[in-house]
Amino acid sequence: MVNEFGGTLFTIAKDVKFQLEFNPAKVQAYRLLGYENRMLNSEDFNNDQKDAGEIGSGHTVTALYEIIPTGVKSEFIGSVDELKYQKNNKKPIENTSDDLLTIKLRYKEPDGNTSKLMQKAVVDNGNSKSELSSNFKFSAAVAEFGMLLRQSDYKQQSSFEQVVQLAESSLGKDKDGYRSEFLRLAKSTQLMAKDLLSIVNKNGIEENKR
């Protein structure tokens, strides 16, 4: 309450919306992690009458996307039958751009009624895992932890061990101790999961003996 009081009291931007366009030459599929209750229709982005979220002083907002690069086979990419009455002739624009995506942001000033537009292209630099920022890696650890707790269909090879390793490598300065607190929670959950697995395995062995 003490640390975040200013951000709750002082709004610096209202009706904040963002819209992403992925370069199909780089990305063939994507999904947003969480925020299901905050999704807007595409046409709502330019509609200043549509309410959106607020950002307070000192606050940041993180949205994570999971992507499947173009050319990578995945069981999560389904097929769609040909349309009977119309044809989808849309093809990606052929270019040599290194852009991974373009992000557009709209916001209103606290006392304004007309939104302002900002946009920026994000370039695929091919950075390795070791070059990622601590903020990015920690956010990824939290997202992975959530998928494991929910037994998400998308968790694939995720594990609590991986969550702990990723969180430990991205603690950073951790001024308020939130990251250390999450790490303790992840480690406790990891131990509980191991205990539960051992109980299940033990019961299975005893059942087989019978």
Protein backbone atom coordinates (compact mmCIF):
# COMPACT_ATOMS: atom_id res chain seq x y z
CA MET A 1 0.00 0.00 0.00
CA VAL A 2 2.80 2.41 0.94
CA ASN A 3 4.97 1.64 -2.09
CA GLU A 4 2.17 1.73 -4.66
CA PHE A 5 -0.04 4.46 -3.19
CA GLY A 6 1.22 7.14 -5.58
CA GLY A 7 0.47 5.05 -8.65
CA THR A 8 -3.06 4.43 -7.44
CA LEU A 9 -3.70 8.07 -6.68
CA PHE A 10 -2.09 9.77 -9.69
CA THR A 11 -3.17 8.72 -13.20
CA ILE A 12 -0.72 9.64 -15.98
CA ALA A 13 -2.61 8.03 -18.88
CA LYS A 14 -6.18 6.81 -19.32
CA ASP A 15 -7.95 4.57 -21.85
CA VAL A 16 -4.62 2.98 -22.74
CA LYS A 17 -4.83 0.44 -25.58
CA PHE A 18 -2.23 -1.39 -27.57
CA GLN A 19 -2.46 -3.30 -30.83
CA LEU A 20 0.13 -5.63 -32.32
CA GLU A 21 0.69 -6.62 -35.94
CA PHE A 22 3.08 -9.54 -36.42
CA ASN A 23 5.18 -9.86 -39.55
CA PRO A 24 3.94 -13.11 -41.20
CA ALA A 25 7.39 -13.62 -42.69
CA LYS A 26 8.63 -14.10 -39.12
CA VAL A 27 5.59 -15.29 -37.14
CA GLN A 28 2.98 -17.80 -38.25
CA ALA A 29 0.97 -17.98 -35.02
CA TYR A 30 0.78 -16.25 -31.66
CA ARG A 31 -1.27 -16.12 -28.47
CA LEU A 32 -1.59 -13.63 -25.64
CA LEU A 33 -0.91 -15.02 -22.17
CA GLY A 34 -3.67 -13.90 -19.85
CA TYR A 35 -5.67 -10.68 -20.26
CA GLU A 36 -8.62 -12.66 -21.67
CA ASN A 37 -11.01 -10.25 -19.96
CA ARG A 38 -9.25 -7.22 -21.46
CA MET A 39 -9.43 -8.20 -25.14
CA LEU A 40 -10.89 -5.60 -27.52
CA ASN A 41 -12.21 -5.89 -31.05
CA SER A 42 -9.85 -4.57 -33.72
CA GLU A 43 -12.17 -1.68 -34.52
CA ASP A 44 -12.20 -0.59 -30.85
CA PHE A 45 -8.57 0.52 -31.06
CA ASN A 46 -9.42 3.74 -32.93
CA ASN A 47 -12.69 4.30 -31.09
CA ASP A 48 -12.13 6.96 -28.44
CA GLN A 49 -15.54 6.18 -26.97
CA LYS A 50 -14.34 2.73 -25.92
CA ASP A 51 -13.08 2.63 -22.35
CA ALA A 52 -9.76 0.97 -21.56
CA GLY A 53 -7.28 0.75 -18.71
CA GLU A 54 -5.44 3.41 -16.74
CA ILE A 55 -1.77 3.65 -15.90
CA GLY A 56 -0.68 5.30 -12.68
CA SER A 57 2.50 7.11 -11.77
CA GLY A 58 5.44 4.72 -11.56
CA HIS A 59 3.42 1.76 -12.85
CA THR A 60 4.31 -0.51 -15.74
CA VAL A 61 2.19 -2.99 -17.68
CA THR A 62 3.59 -6.24 -19.07
CA ALA A 63 1.88 -8.29 -21.76
CA LEU A 64 3.50 -11.54 -22.88
CA TYR A 65 2.93 -13.22 -26.22
CA GLU A 66 3.94 -16.73 -27.13
CA ILE A 67 4.85 -17.00 -30.80
CA ILE A 68 5.49 -19.81 -33.29
CA PRO A 69 8.09 -18.72 -35.84
CA THR A 70 7.32 -19.16 -39.52
CA GLY A 71 8.44 -22.54 -40.80
CA VAL A 72 8.24 -24.29 -37.42
CA LYS A 73 5.82 -27.22 -37.25
CA SER A 74 3.46 -27.19 -34.29
CA GLU A 75 0.52 -29.27 -33.10
CA PHE A 76 -1.16 -26.05 -31.98
CA ILE A 77 -1.60 -24.74 -35.52
CA GLY A 78 -4.86 -26.07 -36.91
CA SER A 79 -6.08 -26.19 -40.49
CA VAL A 80 -9.09 -24.35 -41.92
CA ASP A 81 -11.24 -25.61 -44.79
CA GLU A 82 -11.51 -23.63 -48.00
CA LEU A 83 -14.44 -21.20 -48.06
CA LYS A 84 -17.31 -22.01 -50.42
CA TYR A 85 -18.51 -18.53 -51.34
CA GLN A 86 -15.33 -16.48 -51.11
CA LYS A 87 -11.61 -16.81 -51.37
CA ASN A 88 -9.01 -15.59 -48.97
CA ASN A 89 -6.36 -14.22 -51.30
CA LYS A 90 -4.49 -12.28 -48.64
CA LYS A 91 -0.77 -12.91 -48.91
CA PRO A 92 1.98 -11.43 -46.79
CA ILE A 93 3.84 -8.55 -48.39
CA GLU A 94 7.15 -9.82 -49.64
CA ASN A 95 9.98 -7.83 -48.13
CA THR A 96 13.36 -8.25 -46.52
CA SER A 97 12.38 -6.44 -43.33
CA ASP A 98 13.80 -7.71 -40.05
CA ASP A 99 10.73 -6.43 -38.22
CA LEU A 100 9.20 -9.02 -35.94
CA LEU A 101 6.14 -6.90 -35.22
CA THR A 102 4.80 -3.38 -35.02
CA ILE A 103 3.17 -2.22 -31.82
CA LYS A 104 0.67 0.63 -31.75
CA LEU A 105 -0.29 2.41 -28.55
CA ARG A 106 -3.19 4.78 -27.95
CA TYR A 107 -3.71 6.76 -24.78
CA LYS A 108 -5.45 9.86 -23.49
CA GLU A 109 -3.98 12.40 -21.14
CA PRO A 110 -5.68 12.42 -17.71
CA ASP A 111 -7.81 15.45 -18.60
CA GLY A 112 -8.11 14.74 -22.34
CA ASN A 113 -10.83 13.20 -24.50
CA THR A 114 -8.87 12.59 -27.71
CA SER A 115 -6.34 9.77 -27.87
CA LYS A 116 -2.78 10.07 -29.08
CA LEU A 117 -1.11 7.41 -31.22
CA MET A 118 2.39 6.02 -30.81
CA GLN A 119 3.88 3.17 -32.82
CA LYS A 120 7.20 1.37 -32.95
CA ALA A 121 8.59 -1.54 -34.93
CA VAL A 122 10.34 -4.31 -32.99
CA VAL A 123 13.29 -5.83 -34.83
CA ASP A 124 14.29 -9.47 -34.52
CA ASN A 125 17.90 -9.23 -33.36
CA GLY A 126 18.26 -12.95 -32.81
CA ASN A 127 19.32 -12.40 -29.21
CA SER A 128 20.25 -15.46 -27.19
CA LYS A 129 18.62 -16.29 -23.86
CA SER A 130 21.62 -14.87 -21.98
CA GLU A 131 21.14 -11.48 -23.66
CA LEU A 132 17.53 -11.06 -22.53
CA SER A 133 16.78 -8.46 -19.87
CA SER A 134 16.17 -9.54 -16.28
CA ASN A 135 12.66 -8.05 -16.47
CA PHE A 136 11.79 -10.19 -19.49
CA LYS A 137 13.18 -13.40 -17.97
CA PHE A 138 11.43 -12.83 -14.65
CA SER A 139 8.11 -12.14 -16.41
CA ALA A 140 8.57 -15.36 -18.38
CA ALA A 141 9.20 -17.28 -15.13
CA VAL A 142 5.97 -15.95 -13.61
CA ALA A 143 4.00 -16.84 -16.76
CA GLU A 144 5.46 -20.35 -16.83
CA PHE A 145 4.60 -20.78 -13.14
CA GLY A 146 1.00 -19.79 -13.87
CA MET A 147 0.70 -22.28 -16.74
CA LEU A 148 1.98 -25.08 -14.51
CA LEU A 149 -0.48 -24.24 -11.74
CA ARG A 150 -3.37 -24.18 -14.22
CA GLN A 151 -2.15 -27.33 -15.97
CA SER A 152 -2.32 -25.39 -19.23
CA ASP A 153 -2.46 -27.31 -22.50
CA TYR A 154 0.40 -25.08 -23.65
CA LYS A 155 2.84 -25.86 -20.83
CA GLN A 156 4.62 -28.54 -22.88
CA GLN A 157 8.13 -29.07 -21.37
CA SER A 158 7.72 -26.50 -18.60
CA SER A 159 8.75 -27.47 -15.08
CA PHE A 160 9.02 -25.94 -11.63
CA GLU A 161 12.78 -26.52 -11.79
CA GLN A 162 12.93 -24.34 -14.90
CA VAL A 163 10.81 -21.66 -13.22
CA VAL A 164 13.16 -21.54 -10.22
CA GLN A 165 16.29 -21.37 -12.41
CA LEU A 166 14.84 -18.60 -14.56
CA ALA A 167 13.70 -16.58 -11.54
CA GLU A 168 17.05 -16.98 -9.77
CA SER A 169 18.90 -15.67 -12.83
CA SER A 170 16.70 -12.58 -13.08
CA LEU A 171 16.33 -11.25 -9.53
CA GLY A 172 18.12 -7.99 -10.38
CA LYS A 173 18.11 -5.27 -7.73
CA ASP A 174 14.71 -6.36 -6.33
CA LYS A 175 14.26 -3.17 -4.31
CA ASP A 176 10.95 -4.18 -2.69
CA GLY A 177 11.70 -7.89 -2.40
CA TYR A 178 8.80 -8.99 -4.62
CA ARG A 179 10.98 -11.18 -6.83
CA SER A 180 12.60 -12.92 -3.88
CA GLU A 181 9.15 -13.55 -2.46
CA PHE A 182 8.05 -15.14 -5.75
CA LEU A 183 11.19 -17.28 -5.81
CA ARG A 184 10.40 -18.61 -2.32
CA LEU A 185 6.86 -19.40 -3.44
CA ALA A 186 8.11 -21.21 -6.56
CA LYS A 187 10.59 -23.28 -4.52
CA SER A 188 7.89 -24.23 -2.00
CA THR A 189 5.58 -25.29 -4.82
CA GLN A 190 8.40 -27.29 -6.41
CA LEU A 191 8.90 -29.23 -3.15
CA MET A 192 5.16 -29.82 -2.78
CA ALA A 193 4.97 -31.11 -6.35
CA LYS A 194 7.84 -33.54 -5.70
CA ASP A 195 6.21 -34.78 -2.49
CA LEU A 196 2.92 -35.28 -4.28
CA LEU A 197 4.62 -37.14 -7.13
CA SER A 198 6.45 -39.44 -4.69
CA ILE A 199 3.17 -40.23 -2.91
CA VAL A 200 1.48 -41.03 -6.20
CA ASN A 201 4.38 -43.23 -7.30
CA LYS A 202 4.48 -45.01 -3.94
CA ASN A 203 0.75 -45.73 -4.05
CA GLY A 204 1.14 -47.01 -7.60
CA ILE A 205 3.92 -49.41 -6.59
CA GLU A 206 1.93 -50.70 -3.60
CA GLU A 207 -1.11 -51.20 -5.83
CA ASN A 208 0.97 -53.22 -8.29
CA LYS A 209 2.31 -55.41 -5.47
CA ARG A 210 -1.24 -56.32 -4.50
